[in-house]
Amino acid sequence: MSTELASGYELHDEPYYLPLADEVEVFMAAYAQRLPVLLKGPTGCGKTRFVEYMAHRI
């Protein structure tokens, strides 16, 4: 099932992401409290993938 977004981006399936610690729970807690989250790490560590995964979950 494909969903077309206004930007032309198509969302097909849940993006693959393998949690390494409790980052999903921490992000969800911050989201529930409407707190900003800063993701920091080296190039290629998975920041964008994590945000895509969380956006899909929320």
C-alpha atoms as a PDB file:
ATOM      1  CA  MET A   1       0.000   0.000   0.000  1.00  0.00           C
ATOM      2  CA  SER A   2       1.509   3.313  -1.076  1.00  0.00           C
ATOM      3  CA  THR A   3       0.697   6.745   0.316  1.00  0.00           C
ATOM      4  CA  GLU A   4       1.582   9.821  -1.759  1.00  0.00           C
ATOM      5  CA  LEU A   5       2.575  12.841   0.323  1.00  0.00           C
ATOM      6  CA  ALA A   6       2.350  16.480  -0.750  1.00  0.00           C
ATOM      7  CA  SER A   7       6.099  16.641  -1.413  1.00  0.00           C
ATOM      8  CA  GLY A   8       5.891  13.807  -3.930  1.00  0.00           C
ATOM      9  CA  TYR A   9       7.583  11.383  -1.525  1.00  0.00           C
ATOM     10  CA  GLU A  10       5.929   7.971  -1.397  1.00  0.00           C
ATOM     11  CA  LEU A  11       5.766   6.034   1.856  1.00  0.00           C
ATOM     12  CA  HIS A  12       5.555   2.308   1.223  1.00  0.00           C
ATOM     13  CA  ASP A  13       6.578   0.282   4.251  1.00  0.00           C
ATOM     14  CA  GLU A  14       8.007   0.943   7.671  1.00  0.00           C
ATOM     15  CA  PRO A  15      11.630   2.040   7.288  1.00  0.00           C
ATOM     16  CA  TYR A  16      14.063  -0.538   8.635  1.00  0.00           C
ATOM     17  CA  TYR A  17      15.656   0.459  11.919  1.00  0.00           C
ATOM     18  CA  LEU A  18      17.287  -1.761  14.536  1.00  0.00           C
ATOM     19  CA  PRO A  19      17.268  -0.078  17.965  1.00  0.00           C
ATOM     20  CA  LEU A  20      20.601  -0.325  19.760  1.00  0.00           C
ATOM     21  CA  ALA A  21      19.505   0.842  23.219  1.00  0.00           C
ATOM     22  CA  ASP A  22      16.440   2.694  24.538  1.00  0.00           C
ATOM     23  CA  GLU A  23      16.408   5.448  21.903  1.00  0.00           C
ATOM     24  CA  VAL A  24      12.875   4.610  20.733  1.00  0.00           C
ATOM     25  CA  GLU A  25      11.470   4.848  24.262  1.00  0.00           C
ATOM     26  CA  VAL A  26      13.390   8.070  24.959  1.00  0.00           C
ATOM     27  CA  PHE A  27      12.142   9.627  21.711  1.00  0.00           C
ATOM     28  CA  MET A  28       8.547   8.578  22.460  1.00  0.00           C
ATOM     29  CA  ALA A  29       8.753  10.054  25.975  1.00  0.00           C
ATOM     30  CA  ALA A  30      10.098  13.343  24.583  1.00  0.00           C
ATOM     31  CA  TYR A  31       7.371  13.358  21.927  1.00  0.00           C
ATOM     32  CA  ALA A  32       4.666  12.751  24.542  1.00  0.00           C
ATOM     33  CA  GLN A  33       5.921  15.774  26.496  1.00  0.00           C
ATOM     34  CA  ARG A  34       6.404  17.826  23.296  1.00  0.00           C
ATOM     35  CA  LEU A  35      10.107  18.256  24.064  1.00  0.00           C
ATOM     36  CA  PRO A  36      12.639  18.946  21.313  1.00  0.00           C
ATOM     37  CA  VAL A  37      15.189  16.243  20.524  1.00  0.00           C
ATOM     38  CA  LEU A  38      18.718  16.820  19.257  1.00  0.00           C
ATOM     39  CA  LEU A  39      20.275  13.944  17.342  1.00  0.00           C
ATOM     40  CA  LYS A  40      24.033  14.068  17.176  1.00  0.00           C
ATOM     41  CA  GLY A  41      26.491  11.668  15.645  1.00  0.00           C
ATOM     42  CA  PRO A  42      28.978  11.108  12.865  1.00  0.00           C
ATOM     43  CA  THR A  43      28.018  10.920   9.222  1.00  0.00           C
ATOM     44  CA  GLY A  44      26.373   7.608   8.409  1.00  0.00           C
ATOM     45  CA  CYS A  45      25.465   6.608  11.964  1.00  0.00           C
ATOM     46  CA  GLY A  46      21.690   6.458  11.247  1.00  0.00           C
ATOM     47  CA  LYS A  47      20.236   9.766  12.400  1.00  0.00           C
ATOM     48  CA  THR A  48      18.077  10.224   9.310  1.00  0.00           C
ATOM     49  CA  ARG A  49      16.980   6.592   9.290  1.00  0.00           C
ATOM     50  CA  PHE A  50      15.966   6.877  12.949  1.00  0.00           C
ATOM     51  CA  VAL A  51      13.887   9.996  12.276  1.00  0.00           C
ATOM     52  CA  GLU A  52      12.193   8.334   9.288  1.00  0.00           C
ATOM     53  CA  TYR A  53      11.414   5.292  11.416  1.00  0.00           C
ATOM     54  CA  MET A  54      10.000   7.378  14.271  1.00  0.00           C
ATOM     55  CA  ALA A  55       7.962   9.544  11.885  1.00  0.00           C
ATOM     56  CA  HIS A  56       6.429   6.381  10.484  1.00  0.00           C
ATOM     57  CA  ARG A  57       5.631   5.058  13.970  1.00  0.00           C
ATOM     58  CA  ILE A  58       4.069   8.330  15.120  1.00  0.00           C
END
